[in-house]
Amino acid sequence: MKDNELKPCPFCGTDPTIDHLLGDNNCVERWVITCHGIHCPAFQVTVIEYDEQDAIEAWNRRIK
């Protein structure tokens, strides 16, 4: 697995999505990773970080 590759959700195995969000006037950015598994107990649970790599690392450290 590459350092920048997202692991599946540890609860349901669904592939998460990663989005780059910009705040007001494009001055504050966030990286948001979300599980969209409909029957997942972690549905819509997110990881939010200011740096893309930090977000990926935080998501990939998650455990049940």
Protein backbone atom coordinates (compact mmCIF):
# COMPACT_ATOMS: atom_id res chain seq x y z
CA MET A 1 0.00 0.00 0.00
CA LYS A 2 1.30 3.43 -0.91
CA ASP A 3 1.55 6.13 1.78
CA ASN A 4 -1.19 8.17 0.11
CA GLU A 5 -3.62 5.27 -0.44
CA LEU A 6 -6.78 5.15 1.69
CA LYS A 7 -7.66 1.91 3.43
CA PRO A 8 -11.29 0.71 3.24
CA CYS A 9 -13.57 1.56 6.16
CA PRO A 10 -12.61 -0.69 9.11
CA PHE A 11 -16.31 -1.26 9.90
CA CYS A 12 -17.87 -2.12 6.53
CA GLY A 13 -15.05 -2.35 3.97
CA THR A 14 -16.47 0.43 1.78
CA ASP A 15 -13.95 2.61 -0.04
CA PRO A 16 -14.06 6.09 1.51
CA THR A 17 -14.01 9.37 -0.37
CA ILE A 18 -11.56 12.22 0.12
CA ASP A 19 -12.57 15.80 -0.59
CA HIS A 20 -10.60 19.03 -0.57
CA LEU A 21 -12.69 21.85 0.89
CA LEU A 22 -11.91 25.54 0.85
CA GLY A 23 -13.34 27.96 3.39
CA ASP A 24 -14.39 31.56 2.98
CA ASN A 25 -12.26 33.43 0.43
CA ASN A 26 -10.36 30.17 -0.23
CA CYS A 27 -8.18 30.90 2.81
CA VAL A 28 -8.80 27.87 5.04
CA GLU A 29 -8.55 24.45 3.48
CA ARG A 30 -9.51 21.09 4.91
CA TRP A 31 -9.19 17.52 3.72
CA VAL A 32 -12.25 15.44 4.60
CA ILE A 33 -12.43 11.64 4.38
CA THR A 34 -15.87 10.04 4.71
CA CYS A 35 -17.36 6.53 4.73
CA HIS A 36 -20.57 6.31 2.68
CA GLY A 37 -21.50 2.69 3.47
CA ILE A 38 -25.29 2.79 3.90
CA HIS A 39 -25.45 0.01 6.51
CA CYS A 40 -22.17 0.92 8.15
CA PRO A 41 -22.16 1.85 11.85
CA ALA A 42 -19.65 4.56 10.91
CA PHE A 43 -21.77 5.95 8.04
CA GLN A 44 -20.82 9.57 7.44
CA VAL A 45 -18.03 9.42 10.04
CA THR A 46 -15.28 11.68 8.86
CA VAL A 47 -11.65 12.53 9.39
CA ILE A 48 -10.89 16.22 8.95
CA GLU A 49 -7.36 17.59 8.74
CA TYR A 50 -5.61 20.64 7.33
CA ASP A 51 -3.11 18.53 5.37
CA GLU A 52 -4.00 15.78 2.88
CA GLN A 53 -1.32 13.36 4.07
CA ASP A 54 -2.31 13.92 7.73
CA ALA A 55 -5.93 13.12 6.85
CA ILE A 56 -4.94 9.91 5.04
CA GLU A 57 -2.70 8.80 7.91
CA ALA A 58 -5.44 9.52 10.49
CA TRP A 59 -8.01 7.56 8.48
CA ASN A 60 -5.68 4.62 7.97
CA ARG A 61 -4.95 4.41 11.75
CA ARG A 62 -8.64 3.95 12.59
CA ILE A 63 -9.66 0.66 14.17
CA LYS A 64 -12.99 -0.87 15.13
